[in-house]
Amino acid sequence: MAPLAPLAVFDLDGTLADTAHRQRFLERTPRDWNAFFAAAPQDPPLARGVELALRSAAEYEVVYLTGRPERCRTDTEEWLTRQGLPKGRIWMRRNDDRRPARRTKLETLRDLARKREIHMLVDDDELVCAEAERAGFRVVRADWATTSETLKKAQEQEGRT
């Protein structure tokens, strides 16, 4: 039996999906997380991220690791298909999990690494990237999208994406 290909792990929001049009829902008080996630199916793709995922699929198994809650799975799967992205398993946050993405994602990466080689993590969240690098993972920083300070703060303090 041939060995399994290493994994190329891709974040979604800010890496493959442009969330700029829905960040406004987080700039109000209280933040409207339901509207934020409900607008995700309309996210335009981020060309550099999509191109990297498609190129990666030639050598690696592409999988997705997102801070989106599990309740967004169907919308997320449909969005990935519409963009022509490689089919791959999606790891999502439990609906009630409010831990920072840097903790939830690193936990998942470590679990994956126990079973498979991880070629790289592609993510836009600086804190996730820093934690992954400290843990010894190869990281590609997705610096091709503009993420609001409000979203960054919400990701870290409210653990929602």
Protein backbone atom coordinates (compact mmCIF):
# COMPACT_ATOMS: atom_id res chain seq x y z
CA MET A 1 0.00 0.00 0.00
CA ALA A 2 1.37 3.42 -0.99
CA PRO A 3 2.05 5.88 1.82
CA LEU A 4 -0.51 8.63 2.28
CA ALA A 5 0.41 12.04 0.91
CA PRO A 6 1.35 14.72 3.44
CA LEU A 7 -1.38 17.20 4.34
CA ALA A 8 -1.62 20.80 3.19
CA VAL A 9 -3.88 22.43 5.77
CA PHE A 10 -5.80 25.55 4.69
CA ASP A 11 -7.73 28.04 6.78
CA LEU A 12 -10.85 29.49 5.15
CA ASP A 13 -11.72 33.01 6.30
CA GLY A 14 -9.06 35.48 5.18
CA THR A 15 -7.08 32.73 3.44
CA LEU A 16 -9.43 31.29 0.81
CA ALA A 17 -12.55 33.39 1.45
CA ASP A 18 -12.67 37.20 1.47
CA THR A 19 -14.68 38.18 4.55
CA ALA A 20 -14.43 41.96 4.04
CA HIS A 21 -18.11 42.32 3.04
CA ARG A 22 -19.31 40.73 6.29
CA GLN A 23 -16.91 42.22 8.81
CA ARG A 24 -19.42 45.05 9.32
CA PHE A 25 -21.56 42.67 11.37
CA LEU A 26 -18.79 42.55 13.97
CA GLU A 27 -18.35 46.31 14.19
CA ARG A 28 -21.69 46.78 15.97
CA THR A 29 -22.48 46.27 19.60
CA PRO A 30 -23.41 43.60 20.26
CA ARG A 31 -21.65 41.77 17.47
CA ASP A 32 -24.03 39.95 15.13
CA TRP A 33 -22.33 36.59 14.74
CA ASN A 34 -25.39 34.98 13.18
CA ALA A 35 -25.43 37.54 10.36
CA PHE A 36 -21.64 37.29 10.01
CA PHE A 37 -21.79 33.55 9.37
CA ALA A 38 -25.04 33.72 7.36
CA ALA A 39 -23.24 35.98 4.84
CA ALA A 40 -20.32 33.55 4.37
CA PRO A 41 -21.81 31.84 1.27
CA GLN A 42 -21.43 35.17 -0.57
CA ASP A 43 -17.70 35.45 0.18
CA PRO A 44 -15.66 36.11 -2.93
CA PRO A 45 -12.69 33.74 -3.28
CA LEU A 46 -9.19 35.04 -2.60
CA ALA A 47 -7.31 34.24 -5.82
CA ARG A 48 -3.86 33.74 -4.24
CA GLY A 49 -5.21 31.33 -1.64
CA VAL A 50 -7.29 29.38 -4.16
CA GLU A 51 -4.33 29.13 -6.53
CA LEU A 52 -2.08 27.84 -3.74
CA ALA A 53 -4.68 25.23 -2.72
CA LEU A 54 -5.07 24.03 -6.30
CA ARG A 55 -1.28 23.82 -6.81
CA SER A 56 -0.89 22.03 -3.48
CA ALA A 57 -3.43 19.38 -4.45
CA ALA A 58 -0.98 18.07 -7.08
CA GLU A 59 1.39 16.84 -4.35
CA TYR A 60 -0.49 16.92 -1.07
CA GLU A 61 -3.86 16.04 0.36
CA VAL A 62 -5.65 19.35 0.91
CA VAL A 63 -7.72 19.63 4.07
CA TYR A 64 -9.40 22.59 5.74
CA LEU A 65 -9.09 23.83 9.31
CA THR A 66 -11.45 26.65 10.21
CA GLY A 67 -12.66 28.50 13.24
CA ARG A 68 -16.16 28.53 11.78
CA PRO A 69 -18.68 26.71 13.95
CA GLU A 70 -19.98 23.29 12.96
CA ARG A 71 -23.42 24.74 12.18
CA CYS A 72 -21.82 26.35 9.08
CA ARG A 73 -20.68 23.02 7.59
CA THR A 74 -23.20 22.77 4.73
CA ASP A 75 -22.64 26.39 3.61
CA THR A 76 -18.88 25.85 3.84
CA GLU A 77 -18.91 22.63 1.82
CA GLU A 78 -21.07 24.24 -0.87
CA TRP A 79 -18.82 27.32 -1.01
CA LEU A 80 -15.69 25.19 -1.45
CA THR A 81 -17.36 23.25 -4.27
CA ARG A 82 -18.52 26.43 -6.04
CA GLN A 83 -14.96 27.75 -5.99
CA GLY A 84 -13.60 24.57 -7.55
CA LEU A 85 -11.37 23.91 -4.54
CA PRO A 86 -10.05 20.42 -3.88
CA LYS A 87 -12.33 18.08 -1.98
CA GLY A 88 -10.97 17.54 1.48
CA ARG A 89 -11.96 16.97 5.04
CA ILE A 90 -13.03 20.04 7.00
CA TRP A 91 -12.25 20.47 10.68
CA MET A 92 -14.62 22.97 12.31
CA ARG A 93 -15.11 24.37 15.78
CA ARG A 94 -17.84 22.89 17.98
CA ASN A 95 -20.79 25.28 18.10
CA ASP A 96 -20.20 25.97 21.81
CA ASP A 97 -16.37 26.23 21.64
CA ARG A 98 -15.25 29.79 22.38
CA ARG A 99 -11.53 29.15 22.86
CA PRO A 100 -9.14 31.29 20.79
CA ALA A 101 -8.37 29.96 17.32
CA ARG A 102 -4.68 29.68 18.19
CA ARG A 103 -5.61 27.06 20.78
CA THR A 104 -8.26 25.13 18.85
CA LYS A 105 -6.29 25.04 15.62
CA LEU A 106 -3.03 24.01 17.28
CA GLU A 107 -4.86 21.22 19.10
CA THR A 108 -6.24 19.93 15.79
CA LEU A 109 -2.86 20.25 14.05
CA ARG A 110 -1.20 18.20 16.77
CA ASP A 111 -3.90 15.53 16.50
CA LEU A 112 -3.44 15.40 12.73
CA ALA A 113 0.34 15.23 13.04
CA ARG A 114 0.09 12.11 15.20
CA LYS A 115 -1.37 10.27 12.20
CA ARG A 116 -0.09 12.12 9.15
CA GLU A 117 2.77 14.28 8.01
CA ILE A 118 1.74 17.92 7.72
CA HIS A 119 3.51 19.68 4.88
CA MET A 120 2.19 23.13 5.77
CA LEU A 121 -0.48 25.22 7.41
CA VAL A 122 -1.78 28.20 5.41
CA ASP A 123 -3.52 30.76 7.66
CA ASP A 124 -3.99 34.51 7.94
CA ASP A 125 -4.23 34.74 11.73
CA GLU A 126 -0.85 35.89 13.05
CA LEU A 127 -1.44 34.33 16.47
CA VAL A 128 -2.34 30.96 14.93
CA CYS A 129 0.72 31.16 12.68
CA ALA A 130 3.05 32.03 15.56
CA GLU A 131 1.73 29.19 17.75
CA ALA A 132 2.00 26.69 14.89
CA GLU A 133 5.58 27.75 14.13
CA ARG A 134 6.52 27.46 17.82
CA ALA A 135 5.11 23.93 17.73
CA GLY A 136 7.35 23.09 14.76
CA PHE A 137 4.88 23.30 11.89
CA ARG A 138 5.76 24.88 8.53
CA VAL A 139 3.52 27.91 8.10
CA VAL A 140 2.60 29.96 5.06
CA ARG A 141 1.18 33.29 6.17
CA ALA A 142 -1.83 34.25 4.07
CA ASP A 143 -1.14 37.97 3.87
CA TRP A 144 -3.21 38.58 0.75
CA ALA A 145 -6.45 39.73 2.42
CA THR A 146 -7.33 42.68 4.60
CA THR A 147 -8.67 41.65 7.98
CA SER A 148 -10.16 44.29 10.22
CA GLU A 149 -8.81 44.84 13.71
CA THR A 150 -12.35 44.15 14.94
CA LEU A 151 -12.28 40.67 13.43
CA LYS A 152 -8.80 39.95 14.80
CA LYS A 153 -9.91 41.01 18.27
CA ALA A 154 -13.10 38.96 18.03
CA GLN A 155 -11.17 35.88 16.92
CA GLU A 156 -8.86 36.08 19.89
CA GLN A 157 -11.20 37.29 22.62
CA GLU A 158 -14.49 35.67 21.65
CA GLY A 159 -13.27 32.52 19.91
CA ARG A 160 -15.86 32.68 17.15
CA THR A 161 -13.88 32.17 13.94
